[in-house]
C-alpha cells in the first residue's frame, strides 16, 4: 500500500502464530513469525478504522495482543 496523508505505519506484536491463510489475508502488511512464539505485523494502515478492524480480527483469532506502536519515524 502507498502512504496517504491519513495512513500510518504500525508495528503490531501478538503472542502466537496465526495460520498461513490468515497471514495471506492481511493486505499490505508484512508478517514475521518470531522464534519466541510471537508474530510481528508491520506496514501501512489507511486509517483508524483499518487499525481497529485488524485488532478485532486478531482478537477473533484468540491471539494475545502484546503491543501496538505507530512508527513515528515514518509518519
PDB file of N, CA and C in Angstrom:
ATOM      1  N   UNK A   1       0.833  -1.172   0.000  1.00  0.00           N
ATOM      2  CA  UNK A   1       0.000   0.000   0.000  1.00  0.00           C
ATOM      3  C   UNK A   1       0.879   1.238   0.000  1.00  0.00           C
ATOM      4  N   UNK A   2       0.489   2.230  -0.738  1.00  0.00           N
ATOM      5  CA  UNK A   2       1.207   3.504  -0.717  1.00  0.00           C
ATOM      6  C   UNK A   2       0.668   4.365   0.407  1.00  0.00           C
ATOM      7  N   UNK A   3       1.536   5.130   1.009  1.00  0.00           N
ATOM      8  CA  UNK A   3       1.134   6.012   2.102  1.00  0.00           C
ATOM      9  C   UNK A   3       0.266   7.138   1.567  1.00  0.00           C
ATOM     10  N   UNK A   4      -0.756   7.473   2.333  1.00  0.00           N
ATOM     11  CA  UNK A   4      -1.616   8.616   2.038  1.00  0.00           C
ATOM     12  C   UNK A   4      -1.526   9.559   3.225  1.00  0.00           C
ATOM     13  N   UNK A   5      -2.069  10.768   3.099  1.00  0.00           N
ATOM     14  CA  UNK A   5      -1.985  11.692   4.244  1.00  0.00           C
ATOM     15  C   UNK A   5      -2.585  11.152   5.539  1.00  0.00           C
ATOM     16  N   UNK A   6      -3.588  10.279   5.445  1.00  0.00           N
ATOM     17  CA  UNK A   6      -4.215   9.756   6.667  1.00  0.00           C
ATOM     18  C   UNK A   6      -3.635   8.413   7.100  1.00  0.00           C
ATOM     19  N   UNK A   7      -2.776   7.808   6.300  1.00  0.00           N
ATOM     20  CA  UNK A   7      -2.245   6.497   6.656  1.00  0.00           C
ATOM     21  C   UNK A   7      -1.079   6.617   7.633  1.00  0.00           C
ATOM     22  N   UNK A   8      -0.887   5.555   8.375  1.00  0.00           N
ATOM     23  CA  UNK A   8       0.193   5.485   9.354  1.00  0.00           C
ATOM     24  C   UNK A   8       0.824   4.098   9.281  1.00  0.00           C
ATOM     25  N   UNK A   9       2.102   4.038   9.602  1.00  0.00           N
ATOM     26  CA  UNK A   9       2.810   2.757   9.634  1.00  0.00           C
ATOM     27  C   UNK A   9       2.777   2.241  11.070  1.00  0.00           C
ATOM     28  N   UNK A  10       2.444   0.960  11.215  1.00  0.00           N
ATOM     29  CA  UNK A  10       2.297   0.354  12.534  1.00  0.00           C
ATOM     30  C   UNK A  10       3.167  -0.883  12.668  1.00  0.00           C
ATOM     31  N   UNK A  11       3.506  -1.180  13.918  1.00  0.00           N
ATOM     32  CA  UNK A  11       4.132  -2.435  14.323  1.00  0.00           C
ATOM     33  C   UNK A  11       3.223  -3.047  15.383  1.00  0.00           C
ATOM     34  N   UNK A  12       2.708  -4.213  15.077  1.00  0.00           N
ATOM     35  CA  UNK A  12       1.773  -4.881  15.986  1.00  0.00           C
ATOM     36  C   UNK A  12       2.364  -6.237  16.351  1.00  0.00           C
ATOM     37  N   UNK A  13       2.499  -6.475  17.633  1.00  0.00           N
ATOM     38  CA  UNK A  13       3.097  -7.727  18.115  1.00  0.00           C
ATOM     39  C   UNK A  13       2.013  -8.538  18.826  1.00  0.00           C
ATOM     40  N   UNK A  14       1.928  -9.814  18.473  1.00  0.00           N
ATOM     41  CA  UNK A  14       0.959 -10.719  19.089  1.00  0.00           C
ATOM     42  C   UNK A  14       1.674 -11.965  19.573  1.00  0.00           C
ATOM     43  N   UNK A  15       1.079 -12.623  20.578  1.00  0.00           N
ATOM     44  CA  UNK A  15       1.598 -13.903  21.035  1.00  0.00           C
ATOM     45  C   UNK A  15       0.877 -14.975  20.233  1.00  0.00           C
ATOM     46  N   UNK A  16       1.642 -15.817  19.575  1.00  0.00           N
ATOM     47  CA  UNK A  16       1.074 -16.891  18.775  1.00  0.00           C
ATOM     48  C   UNK A  16       1.398 -16.703  17.307  1.00  0.00           C
ATOM     49  N   UNK A  17       1.140 -17.752  16.559  1.00  0.00           N
ATOM     50  CA  UNK A  17       1.377 -17.735  15.118  1.00  0.00           C
ATOM     51  C   UNK A  17       0.085 -18.106  14.404  1.00  0.00           C
ATOM     52  N   UNK A  18      -0.589 -17.131  13.810  1.00  0.00           N
ATOM     53  CA  UNK A  18      -1.793 -17.459  13.043  1.00  0.00           C
ATOM     54  C   UNK A  18      -1.424 -18.364  11.869  1.00  0.00           C
ATOM     55  N   UNK A  19      -2.429 -19.069  11.337  1.00  0.00           N
ATOM     56  CA  UNK A  19      -2.147 -19.970  10.215  1.00  0.00           C
ATOM     57  C   UNK A  19      -1.822 -19.189   8.943  1.00  0.00           C
ATOM     58  N   UNK A  20      -1.276 -19.890   7.962  1.00  0.00           N
ATOM     59  CA  UNK A  20      -0.826 -19.255   6.722  1.00  0.00           C
ATOM     60  C   UNK A  20      -1.949 -18.546   5.978  1.00  0.00           C
ATOM     61  N   UNK A  21      -3.151 -19.094   6.000  1.00  0.00           N
ATOM     62  CA  UNK A  21      -4.283 -18.455   5.306  1.00  0.00           C
ATOM     63  C   UNK A  21      -4.526 -17.054   5.866  1.00  0.00           C
ATOM     64  N   UNK A  22      -4.478 -16.930   7.176  1.00  0.00           N
ATOM     65  CA  UNK A  22      -4.707 -15.621   7.787  1.00  0.00           C
ATOM     66  C   UNK A  22      -3.600 -14.650   7.407  1.00  0.00           C
ATOM     67  N   UNK A  23      -2.359 -15.144   7.375  1.00  0.00           N
ATOM     68  CA  UNK A  23      -1.236 -14.287   7.005  1.00  0.00           C
ATOM     69  C   UNK A  23      -1.438 -13.694   5.618  1.00  0.00           C
ATOM     70  N   UNK A  24      -1.914 -14.498   4.668  1.00  0.00           N
ATOM     71  CA  UNK A  24      -2.115 -14.012   3.303  1.00  0.00           C
ATOM     72  C   UNK A  24      -3.242 -12.994   3.217  1.00  0.00           C
ATOM     73  N   UNK A  25      -4.164 -13.019   4.160  1.00  0.00           N
ATOM     74  CA  UNK A  25      -5.316 -12.124   4.093  1.00  0.00           C
ATOM     75  C   UNK A  25      -5.055 -10.761   4.728  1.00  0.00           C
ATOM     76  N   UNK A  26      -3.879 -10.542   5.263  1.00  0.00           N
ATOM     77  CA  UNK A  26      -3.547  -9.266   5.898  1.00  0.00           C
ATOM     78  C   UNK A  26      -2.905  -8.374   4.834  1.00  0.00           C
ATOM     79  N   UNK A  27      -3.752  -7.712   4.071  1.00  0.00           N
ATOM     80  CA  UNK A  27      -3.312  -6.915   2.930  1.00  0.00           C
ATOM     81  C   UNK A  27      -2.285  -5.864   3.301  1.00  0.00           C
ATOM     82  N   UNK A  28      -1.183  -5.891   2.581  1.00  0.00           N
ATOM     83  CA  UNK A  28      -0.191  -4.842   2.707  1.00  0.00           C
ATOM     84  C   UNK A  28       0.693  -4.897   3.931  1.00  0.00           C
ATOM     85  N   UNK A  29       0.476  -5.852   4.806  1.00  0.00           N
ATOM     86  CA  UNK A  29       1.308  -5.951   5.997  1.00  0.00           C
ATOM     87  C   UNK A  29       2.314  -7.080   5.836  1.00  0.00           C
ATOM     88  N   UNK A  30       3.470  -6.876   6.406  1.00  0.00           N
ATOM     89  CA  UNK A  30       4.475  -7.922   6.467  1.00  0.00           C
ATOM     90  C   UNK A  30       4.319  -8.623   7.805  1.00  0.00           C
ATOM     91  N   UNK A  31       4.323  -9.938   7.769  1.00  0.00           N
ATOM     92  CA  UNK A  31       4.165 -10.710   8.998  1.00  0.00           C
ATOM     93  C   UNK A  31       5.413 -11.557   9.200  1.00  0.00           C
ATOM     94  N   UNK A  32       6.025 -11.388  10.348  1.00  0.00           N
ATOM     95  CA  UNK A  32       7.205 -12.177  10.694  1.00  0.00           C
ATOM     96  C   UNK A  32       6.867 -13.063  11.882  1.00  0.00           C
ATOM     97  N   UNK A  33       7.112 -14.351  11.713  1.00  0.00           N
ATOM     98  CA  UNK A  33       6.963 -15.279  12.840  1.00  0.00           C
ATOM     99  C   UNK A  33       8.277 -15.280  13.607  1.00  0.00           C
ATOM    100  N   UNK A  34       8.208 -14.879  14.842  1.00  0.00           N
ATOM    101  CA  UNK A  34       9.404 -14.777  15.668  1.00  0.00           C
ATOM    102  C   UNK A  34       9.646 -16.092  16.402  1.00  0.00           C
ATOM    103  N   UNK A  35      10.895 -16.446  16.663  1.00  0.00           N
ATOM    104  CA  UNK A  35      11.200 -17.732  17.302  1.00  0.00           C
ATOM    105  C   UNK A  35      10.683 -17.863  18.732  1.00  0.00           C
ATOM    106  N   UNK A  36      10.336 -16.762  19.350  1.00  0.00           N
ATOM    107  CA  UNK A  36       9.845 -16.817  20.731  1.00  0.00           C
ATOM    108  C   UNK A  36       8.340 -17.084  20.812  1.00  0.00           C
ATOM    109  N   UNK A  37       7.720 -17.459  19.687  1.00  0.00           N
ATOM    110  CA  UNK A  37       6.290 -17.756  19.694  1.00  0.00           C
ATOM    111  C   UNK A  37       5.413 -16.549  19.439  1.00  0.00           C
ATOM    112  N   UNK A  38       6.013 -15.442  19.080  1.00  0.00           N
ATOM    113  CA  UNK A  38       5.264 -14.225  18.767  1.00  0.00           C
ATOM    114  C   UNK A  38       5.282 -13.975  17.264  1.00  0.00           C
ATOM    115  N   UNK A  39       4.395 -13.093  16.830  1.00  0.00           N
ATOM    116  CA  UNK A  39       4.379 -12.648  15.442  1.00  0.00           C
ATOM    117  C   UNK A  39       4.402 -11.127  15.440  1.00  0.00           C
ATOM    118  N   UNK A  40       5.082 -10.567  14.459  1.00  0.00           N
ATOM    119  CA  UNK A  40       5.185  -9.117  14.319  1.00  0.00           C
ATOM    120  C   UNK A  40       4.608  -8.731  12.968  1.00  0.00           C
ATOM    121  N   UNK A  41       3.573  -7.891  12.986  1.00  0.00           N
ATOM    122  CA  UNK A  41       2.941  -7.376  11.775  1.00  0.00           C
ATOM    123  C   UNK A  41       3.395  -5.942  11.594  1.00  0.00           C
ATOM    124  N   UNK A  42       3.889  -5.604  10.433  1.00  0.00           N
ATOM    125  CA  UNK A  42       4.323  -4.231  10.166  1.00  0.00           C
ATOM    126  C   UNK A  42       3.786  -3.784   8.821  1.00  0.00           C
ATOM    127  N   UNK A  43       3.451  -2.519   8.744  1.00  0.00           N
ATOM    128  CA  UNK A  43       3.010  -1.956   7.475  1.00  0.00           C
ATOM    129  C   UNK A  43       2.067  -0.790   7.670  1.00  0.00           C
ATOM    130  N   UNK A  44       1.606  -0.293   6.528  1.00  0.00           N
ATOM    131  CA  UNK A  44       0.746   0.886   6.491  1.00  0.00           C
ATOM    132  C   UNK A  44      -0.716   0.498   6.606  1.00  0.00           C
ATOM    133  N   UNK A  45      -1.452   1.243   7.421  1.00  0.00           N
ATOM    134  CA  UNK A  45      -2.904   1.116   7.505  1.00  0.00           C
ATOM    135  C   UNK A  45      -3.494   2.465   7.120  1.00  0.00           C
ATOM    136  N   UNK A  46      -4.572   2.420   6.349  1.00  0.00           N
ATOM    137  CA  UNK A  46      -5.083   3.656   5.752  1.00  0.00           C
ATOM    138  C   UNK A  46      -5.689   4.623   6.761  1.00  0.00           C
ATOM    139  N   UNK A  47      -6.245   4.104   7.857  1.00  0.00           N
ATOM    140  CA  UNK A  47      -6.875   4.981   8.836  1.00  0.00           C
ATOM    141  C   UNK A  47      -7.140   4.210  10.124  1.00  0.00           C
ATOM    142  N   UNK A  48      -7.734   4.884  11.092  1.00  0.00           N
ATOM    143  CA  UNK A  48      -8.029   4.262  12.378  1.00  0.00           C
ATOM    144  C   UNK A  48      -9.024   3.112  12.243  1.00  0.00           C
ATOM    145  N   UNK A  49      -9.959   3.235  11.317  1.00  0.00           N
ATOM    146  CA  UNK A  49     -10.935   2.159  11.116  1.00  0.00           C
ATOM    147  C   UNK A  49     -10.226   0.878  10.676  1.00  0.00           C
ATOM    148  N   UNK A  50      -9.232   0.990   9.809  1.00  0.00           N
ATOM    149  CA  UNK A  50      -8.471  -0.176   9.366  1.00  0.00           C
ATOM    150  C   UNK A  50      -7.700  -0.785  10.538  1.00  0.00           C
ATOM    151  N   UNK A  51      -7.135   0.050  11.382  1.00  0.00           N
ATOM    152  CA  UNK A  51      -6.418  -0.440  12.560  1.00  0.00           C
ATOM    153  C   UNK A  51      -7.368  -1.195  13.480  1.00  0.00           C
ATOM    154  N   UNK A  52      -8.519  -0.609  13.762  1.00  0.00           N
ATOM    155  CA  UNK A  52      -9.481  -1.260  14.656  1.00  0.00           C
ATOM    156  C   UNK A  52     -10.000  -2.561  14.056  1.00  0.00           C
ATOM    157  N   UNK A  53     -10.212  -2.585  12.751  1.00  0.00           N
ATOM    158  CA  UNK A  53     -10.638  -3.814  12.093  1.00  0.00           C
ATOM    159  C   UNK A  53      -9.602  -4.914  12.240  1.00  0.00           C
ATOM    160  N   UNK A  54      -8.338  -4.576  12.065  1.00  0.00           N
ATOM    161  CA  UNK A  54      -7.265  -5.548  12.220  1.00  0.00           C
ATOM    162  C   UNK A  54      -7.175  -6.035  13.661  1.00  0.00           C
ATOM    163  N   UNK A  55      -7.290  -5.132  14.600  1.00  0.00           N
ATOM    164  CA  UNK A  55      -7.237  -5.525  16.012  1.00  0.00           C
ATOM    165  C   UNK A  55      -8.411  -6.439  16.366  1.00  0.00           C
ATOM    166  N   UNK A  56      -9.583  -6.190  15.780  1.00  0.00           N
ATOM    167  CA  UNK A  56     -10.731  -7.070  16.008  1.00  0.00           C
ATOM    168  C   UNK A  56     -10.457  -8.471  15.456  1.00  0.00           C
ATOM    169  N   UNK A  57      -9.847  -8.548  14.277  1.00  0.00           N
ATOM    170  CA  UNK A  57      -9.520  -9.846  13.683  1.00  0.00           C
ATOM    171  C   UNK A  57      -8.525 -10.606  14.548  1.00  0.00           C
ATOM    172  N   UNK A  58      -7.554  -9.889  15.094  1.00  0.00           N
ATOM    173  CA  UNK A  58      -6.582 -10.515  15.990  1.00  0.00           C
ATOM    174  C   UNK A  58      -7.301 -11.088  17.211  1.00  0.00           C
ATOM    175  N   UNK A  59      -8.212 -10.315  17.774  1.00  0.00           N
ATOM    176  CA  UNK A  59      -8.991 -10.788  18.920  1.00  0.00           C
ATOM    177  C   UNK A  59      -9.871 -11.967  18.576  1.00  0.00           C
ATOM    178  N   UNK A  60     -10.487 -11.962  17.397  1.00  0.00           N
ATOM    179  CA  UNK A  60     -11.336 -13.069  16.962  1.00  0.00           C
ATOM    180  C   UNK A  60     -10.555 -14.373  16.847  1.00  0.00           C
ATOM    181  N   UNK A  61      -9.266 -14.268  16.518  1.00  0.00           N
ATOM    182  CA  UNK A  61      -8.410 -15.456  16.417  1.00  0.00           C
ATOM    183  C   UNK A  61      -7.954 -15.966  17.782  1.00  0.00           C
ATOM    184  N   UNK A  62      -8.225 -15.191  18.820  1.00  0.00           N
ATOM    185  CA  UNK A  62      -7.815 -15.587  20.154  1.00  0.00           C
ATOM    186  C   UNK A  62      -6.341 -15.347  20.438  1.00  0.00           C
ATOM    187  N   UNK A  63      -5.702 -14.509  19.618  1.00  0.00           N
ATOM    188  CA  UNK A  63      -4.298 -14.186  19.850  1.00  0.00           C
ATOM    189  C   UNK A  63      -4.182 -13.105  20.909  1.00  0.00           C
ATOM    190  N   UNK A  64      -3.155 -13.179  21.708  1.00  0.00           N
ATOM    191  CA  UNK A  64      -2.913 -12.149  22.716  1.00  0.00           C
ATOM    192  C   UNK A  64      -2.206 -10.970  22.058  1.00  0.00           C
ATOM    193  N   UNK A  65      -2.794  -9.799  22.162  1.00  0.00           N
ATOM    194  CA  UNK A  65      -2.178  -8.575  21.658  1.00  0.00           C
ATOM    195  C   UNK A  65      -1.144  -8.117  22.674  1.00  0.00           C
ATOM    196  N   UNK A  66       0.103  -7.992  22.224  1.00  0.00           N
ATOM    197  CA  UNK A  66       1.185  -7.594  23.129  1.00  0.00           C
ATOM    198  C   UNK A  66       1.519  -6.111  23.012  1.00  0.00           C
ATOM    199  N   UNK A  67       1.503  -5.578  21.787  1.00  0.00           N
ATOM    200  CA  UNK A  67       1.791  -4.155  21.632  1.00  0.00           C
ATOM    201  C   UNK A  67       1.315  -3.658  20.272  1.00  0.00           C
ATOM    202  N   UNK A  68       1.007  -2.372  20.237  1.00  0.00           N
ATOM    203  CA  UNK A  68       0.689  -1.653  19.003  1.00  0.00           C
ATOM    204  C   UNK A  68       1.494  -0.368  19.044  1.00  0.00           C
ATOM    205  N   UNK A  69       2.339  -0.188  18.047  1.00  0.00           N
ATOM    206  CA  UNK A  69       3.162   1.010  18.007  1.00  0.00           C
ATOM    207  C   UNK A  69       3.009   1.681  16.643  1.00  0.00           C
ATOM    208  N   UNK A  70       2.813   2.984  16.695  1.00  0.00           N
ATOM    209  CA  UNK A  70       2.849   3.760  15.459  1.00  0.00           C
ATOM    210  C   UNK A  70       4.296   4.107  15.204  1.00  0.00           C
ATOM    211  N   UNK A  71       4.759   3.842  14.007  1.00  0.00           N
ATOM    212  CA  UNK A  71       6.153   4.082  13.660  1.00  0.00           C
ATOM    213  C   UNK A  71       6.340   5.575  13.392  1.00  0.00           C
ATOM    214  N   UNK A  72       6.752   6.299  14.400  1.00  0.00           N
ATOM    215  CA  UNK A  72       6.857   7.759  14.292  1.00  0.00           C
ATOM    216  C   UNK A  72       7.951   8.202  13.340  1.00  0.00           C
ATOM    217  N   UNK A  73       8.910   7.329  13.053  1.00  0.00           N
ATOM    218  CA  UNK A  73       9.986   7.694  12.115  1.00  0.00           C
ATOM    219  C   UNK A  73       9.479   7.815  10.682  1.00  0.00           C
ATOM    220  N   UNK A  74       8.367   7.161  10.399  1.00  0.00           N
ATOM    221  CA  UNK A  74       7.886   7.118   9.023  1.00  0.00           C
ATOM    222  C   UNK A  74       6.580   7.861   8.831  1.00  0.00           C
ATOM    223  N   UNK A  75       6.083   8.526   9.839  1.00  0.00           N
ATOM    224  CA  UNK A  75       4.817   9.258   9.733  1.00  0.00           C
ATOM    225  C   UNK A  75       5.067  10.609   9.130  1.00  0.00           C
TER     226      UNK A  75
END
